């Protein structure tokens, strides 16, 4: 970053634009449907799971290096 002082004692901060990631996101086949019985929700091509958000088991965060029971 560059810092430049103006006449009125204001400071300008310059930066470079974020250009993205080096590799594209992983994709899965289109047209997949949730495997939960009776659910006909179509899954996103970016969803790695075989279940939709409603039927996916919730992921619990790890606290201080230990799994929450």
N, C-alpha and C. Protein backbone atom coordinates (compact mmCIF):
# COMPACT_ATOMS: atom_id res chain seq x y z
N UNK A 1 0.84 -1.17 0.00
CA UNK A 1 0.00 0.00 0.00
C UNK A 1 0.88 1.24 0.00
N UNK A 2 0.36 2.28 -0.58
CA UNK A 2 1.08 3.55 -0.60
C UNK A 2 0.29 4.58 0.17
N UNK A 3 0.98 5.45 0.85
CA UNK A 3 0.35 6.51 1.62
C UNK A 3 0.88 7.83 1.08
N UNK A 4 -0.02 8.75 0.78
CA UNK A 4 0.35 10.03 0.21
C UNK A 4 -0.37 11.14 0.97
N UNK A 5 0.35 12.16 1.42
CA UNK A 5 -0.25 13.25 2.17
C UNK A 5 -0.64 14.36 1.22
N UNK A 6 -1.87 14.88 1.39
CA UNK A 6 -2.37 15.99 0.58
C UNK A 6 -2.12 17.32 1.29
N UNK A 7 -2.44 18.40 0.61
CA UNK A 7 -2.21 19.73 1.15
C UNK A 7 -3.03 20.01 2.40
N UNK A 8 -4.22 19.46 2.51
CA UNK A 8 -5.11 19.74 3.64
C UNK A 8 -4.93 18.72 4.76
N UNK A 9 -3.82 18.07 4.85
CA UNK A 9 -3.51 17.09 5.88
C UNK A 9 -4.42 15.86 5.82
N UNK A 10 -4.91 15.54 4.65
CA UNK A 10 -5.68 14.32 4.47
C UNK A 10 -4.73 13.25 3.97
N UNK A 11 -5.06 12.01 4.23
CA UNK A 11 -4.20 10.91 3.82
C UNK A 11 -4.97 10.02 2.85
N UNK A 12 -4.33 9.72 1.73
CA UNK A 12 -4.90 8.79 0.77
C UNK A 12 -4.20 7.45 0.92
N UNK A 13 -4.98 6.37 0.92
CA UNK A 13 -4.41 5.04 1.01
C UNK A 13 -4.74 4.31 -0.28
N UNK A 14 -3.73 3.81 -0.94
CA UNK A 14 -3.94 3.09 -2.19
C UNK A 14 -3.75 1.59 -1.98
N UNK A 15 -4.42 0.81 -2.80
CA UNK A 15 -4.30 -0.65 -2.71
C UNK A 15 -4.57 -1.26 -4.07
N UNK A 16 -4.27 -2.53 -4.19
CA UNK A 16 -4.56 -3.22 -5.45
C UNK A 16 -5.90 -3.94 -5.33
N UNK A 17 -6.58 -4.10 -6.44
CA UNK A 17 -7.89 -4.75 -6.46
C UNK A 17 -7.75 -6.26 -6.27
N UNK A 18 -8.74 -6.86 -5.61
CA UNK A 18 -8.78 -8.31 -5.44
C UNK A 18 -9.18 -8.93 -6.78
N UNK A 19 -8.39 -9.85 -7.27
CA UNK A 19 -8.64 -10.40 -8.60
C UNK A 19 -9.22 -11.81 -8.58
N UNK A 20 -9.34 -12.44 -7.43
CA UNK A 20 -9.95 -13.76 -7.37
C UNK A 20 -8.97 -14.83 -6.95
N UNK A 21 -9.41 -16.06 -7.07
CA UNK A 21 -8.61 -17.21 -6.67
C UNK A 21 -7.85 -17.78 -7.85
N UNK A 22 -6.87 -18.59 -7.56
CA UNK A 22 -6.04 -19.19 -8.60
C UNK A 22 -6.78 -20.31 -9.34
N UNK A 23 -7.70 -20.99 -8.66
CA UNK A 23 -8.42 -22.08 -9.32
C UNK A 23 -9.92 -21.89 -9.17
N UNK A 24 -10.70 -22.36 -10.13
CA UNK A 24 -12.15 -22.23 -10.05
C UNK A 24 -12.74 -23.18 -9.00
N UNK A 25 -13.96 -22.91 -8.52
CA UNK A 25 -14.58 -23.79 -7.53
C UNK A 25 -14.92 -25.15 -8.14
N UNK A 26 -14.90 -26.19 -7.32
CA UNK A 26 -15.24 -27.54 -7.76
C UNK A 26 -16.73 -27.59 -8.13
N UNK A 27 -17.05 -28.27 -9.19
CA UNK A 27 -18.44 -28.41 -9.64
C UNK A 27 -18.84 -29.87 -9.65
N UNK A 28 -20.13 -30.10 -9.45
CA UNK A 28 -20.70 -31.44 -9.45
C UNK A 28 -21.76 -31.50 -10.54
N UNK A 29 -22.17 -32.70 -10.95
CA UNK A 29 -23.13 -32.81 -12.06
C UNK A 29 -24.43 -32.04 -11.80
N UNK A 30 -24.97 -31.44 -12.84
CA UNK A 30 -26.23 -30.72 -12.70
C UNK A 30 -27.40 -31.71 -12.77
N UNK A 31 -28.54 -31.29 -12.25
CA UNK A 31 -29.73 -32.14 -12.27
C UNK A 31 -29.83 -33.11 -11.12
N UNK A 32 -28.91 -33.05 -10.15
CA UNK A 32 -28.99 -33.95 -9.00
C UNK A 32 -30.14 -33.54 -8.09
N UNK A 33 -30.72 -34.52 -7.40
CA UNK A 33 -31.87 -34.28 -6.51
C UNK A 33 -31.51 -34.82 -5.13
N UNK A 34 -32.02 -34.17 -4.09
CA UNK A 34 -31.80 -34.58 -2.70
C UNK A 34 -32.19 -36.05 -2.52
N UNK A 35 -31.36 -36.82 -1.82
CA UNK A 35 -31.62 -38.25 -1.60
C UNK A 35 -32.57 -38.54 -0.45
N UNK A 36 -33.01 -37.52 0.26
CA UNK A 36 -33.94 -37.74 1.38
C UNK A 36 -35.28 -38.19 0.80
N UNK A 37 -35.90 -39.23 1.38
CA UNK A 37 -37.18 -39.73 0.86
C UNK A 37 -38.25 -38.62 0.80
N UNK A 38 -38.86 -38.46 -0.35
CA UNK A 38 -39.94 -37.50 -0.54
C UNK A 38 -39.47 -36.09 -0.86
N UNK A 39 -38.19 -35.83 -0.87
CA UNK A 39 -37.68 -34.48 -1.17
C UNK A 39 -37.27 -34.42 -2.63
N UNK A 40 -37.78 -33.43 -3.34
CA UNK A 40 -37.44 -33.30 -4.76
C UNK A 40 -36.64 -32.01 -5.04
N UNK A 41 -35.92 -31.53 -4.03
CA UNK A 41 -35.11 -30.33 -4.17
C UNK A 41 -33.92 -30.61 -5.08
N UNK A 42 -33.74 -29.75 -6.09
CA UNK A 42 -32.58 -29.89 -6.98
C UNK A 42 -31.37 -29.28 -6.29
N UNK A 43 -30.26 -29.98 -6.35
CA UNK A 43 -29.04 -29.53 -5.69
C UNK A 43 -28.23 -28.63 -6.61
N UNK A 44 -27.51 -27.72 -6.00
CA UNK A 44 -26.62 -26.83 -6.74
C UNK A 44 -25.44 -27.61 -7.30
N UNK A 45 -24.87 -27.12 -8.39
CA UNK A 45 -23.69 -27.78 -8.94
C UNK A 45 -22.48 -27.58 -8.03
N UNK A 46 -22.58 -26.69 -7.04
CA UNK A 46 -21.50 -26.44 -6.11
C UNK A 46 -21.69 -27.17 -4.77
N UNK A 47 -22.81 -27.89 -4.61
CA UNK A 47 -23.10 -28.62 -3.38
C UNK A 47 -22.50 -30.02 -3.50
N UNK A 48 -21.52 -30.33 -2.65
CA UNK A 48 -20.85 -31.63 -2.69
C UNK A 48 -21.69 -32.74 -2.05
N UNK A 49 -22.66 -32.37 -1.23
CA UNK A 49 -23.47 -33.34 -0.50
C UNK A 49 -24.54 -33.99 -1.39
N UNK A 50 -25.07 -35.11 -0.94
CA UNK A 50 -26.17 -35.76 -1.64
C UNK A 50 -27.52 -35.32 -1.08
N UNK A 51 -27.47 -34.44 -0.05
CA UNK A 51 -28.69 -33.94 0.58
C UNK A 51 -28.76 -32.42 0.44
N UNK A 52 -29.99 -31.89 0.46
CA UNK A 52 -30.17 -30.44 0.41
C UNK A 52 -29.88 -29.85 1.79
N UNK A 53 -29.88 -28.53 1.88
CA UNK A 53 -29.56 -27.85 3.14
C UNK A 53 -30.54 -28.25 4.25
N UNK A 54 -31.79 -28.40 3.92
CA UNK A 54 -32.81 -28.73 4.93
C UNK A 54 -32.57 -30.11 5.55
N UNK A 55 -32.07 -31.06 4.76
CA UNK A 55 -31.91 -32.44 5.25
C UNK A 55 -30.48 -32.79 5.62
N UNK A 56 -29.54 -31.91 5.36
CA UNK A 56 -28.14 -32.16 5.71
C UNK A 56 -27.98 -32.08 7.21
N UNK A 57 -27.18 -32.98 7.77
CA UNK A 57 -26.93 -32.97 9.21
C UNK A 57 -26.10 -31.72 9.54
N UNK A 58 -26.48 -30.95 10.55
CA UNK A 58 -25.75 -29.72 10.84
C UNK A 58 -24.31 -30.01 11.27
N UNK A 59 -23.39 -29.19 10.79
CA UNK A 59 -21.98 -29.31 11.17
C UNK A 59 -21.75 -28.46 12.41
N UNK A 60 -21.19 -29.06 13.42
CA UNK A 60 -20.91 -28.34 14.66
C UNK A 60 -19.49 -27.81 14.63
N UNK A 61 -19.29 -26.58 15.08
CA UNK A 61 -17.94 -26.01 15.07
C UNK A 61 -17.06 -26.65 16.15
N UNK A 62 -15.76 -26.61 15.90
CA UNK A 62 -14.80 -27.09 16.91
C UNK A 62 -14.44 -25.91 17.81
N UNK A 63 -14.46 -26.14 19.11
CA UNK A 63 -14.12 -25.09 20.07
C UNK A 63 -12.80 -25.43 20.76
N UNK A 64 -11.85 -24.55 20.62
CA UNK A 64 -10.54 -24.72 21.26
C UNK A 64 -9.92 -26.08 20.97
N UNK A 65 -10.08 -26.55 19.75
CA UNK A 65 -9.44 -27.79 19.34
C UNK A 65 -10.18 -29.04 19.74
N UNK A 66 -11.36 -28.91 20.34
CA UNK A 66 -12.11 -30.09 20.76
C UNK A 66 -13.46 -30.13 20.05
N UNK A 67 -13.91 -31.31 19.68
CA UNK A 67 -15.20 -31.46 19.03
C UNK A 67 -16.32 -31.29 20.05
N UNK A 68 -17.39 -30.63 19.66
CA UNK A 68 -18.55 -30.45 20.54
C UNK A 68 -19.40 -31.70 20.47
N UNK A 69 -19.79 -32.22 21.61
CA UNK A 69 -20.57 -33.48 21.64
C UNK A 69 -22.01 -33.24 21.29
